[in-house]
């Protein structure tokens, strides 16, 4: 037996890892789990972490998208695990192998034995958020959009739920940078990010900085009528907000484009393109507008 055959028999993996499982990162389900039989197609992959929702820092969808291996630290309220996700192909279908190693006693997290469950959870969450959060605004980043939106779309289709993507842009933002400097521009972006995060439903909707002064809000299972009302409220809050920078008070407006999931927008690319077209339409109307498909 050569080395490859030995590894392929998985004996070495049994010694290296405490749990090995095959997951579908798009549907977020476990396909097979070594050492523990599971009811395939029904067990959410995030259930192992005692969560009722998808991991923010999902390395499996990242490995799936980028076709590289990724790793992270996770905590299931009892033990700390080192997790590796790597791509495999079965009958031309892409899946992810997740290998989990219990490192609770390995001091991966400093003085873990002295920390409470709450403190460990906060520290693990902090480490994982670094990967998917925009450093300036604290909103999610483009990587998160590419990793979470496909799942949201598939889940909405399977569960017959609505989904809307809102793309927004700060009007004439370049003038702020040119007049007051980029530090002031960064301050405005932080304030806008806070307004956006404070005006969506926690753990249901999410907001990401899409680049420059552009943001995306994803509304899950909310009617277009209510999405439009929520976006109007956000637009009004931005317009009325006084951005106090040194001895100056800066006022800005914003433009919005909304696209709702339908037969023509069943992919990430199509729904983002549709929202972008609606945003462009709002700008053509003179900015400080909301357009929706």
Foldseek 3Di string as FASTA:
>chain_A
DDPVVVVVVVPVLVVVFVKKFKADLQQQWTQAIPPDGDDGPPHGVCVQLVDPDDDLLDQQLVCVVVQAKDWAWGHSLPFIWIKIWHWDADPNRIIIMITIHTCRVVCPDPPSVPDHSVVVRVVRSVRSQVVQADPLQRFGEPVSLSRPVSNLLVVCVVVVAKKKKKKKFWPPLVVCCVPPNVVLSSLLLNVLSVLVVVQADPPAKGKYAYDDRMIMIMHIRDDPVVVVVSVLVSQVCQQPDFSDDPPDTDGTGMFMFMEMDDPQQSDSVRNVVRRVVQRVVCVVVVGNYYGYD
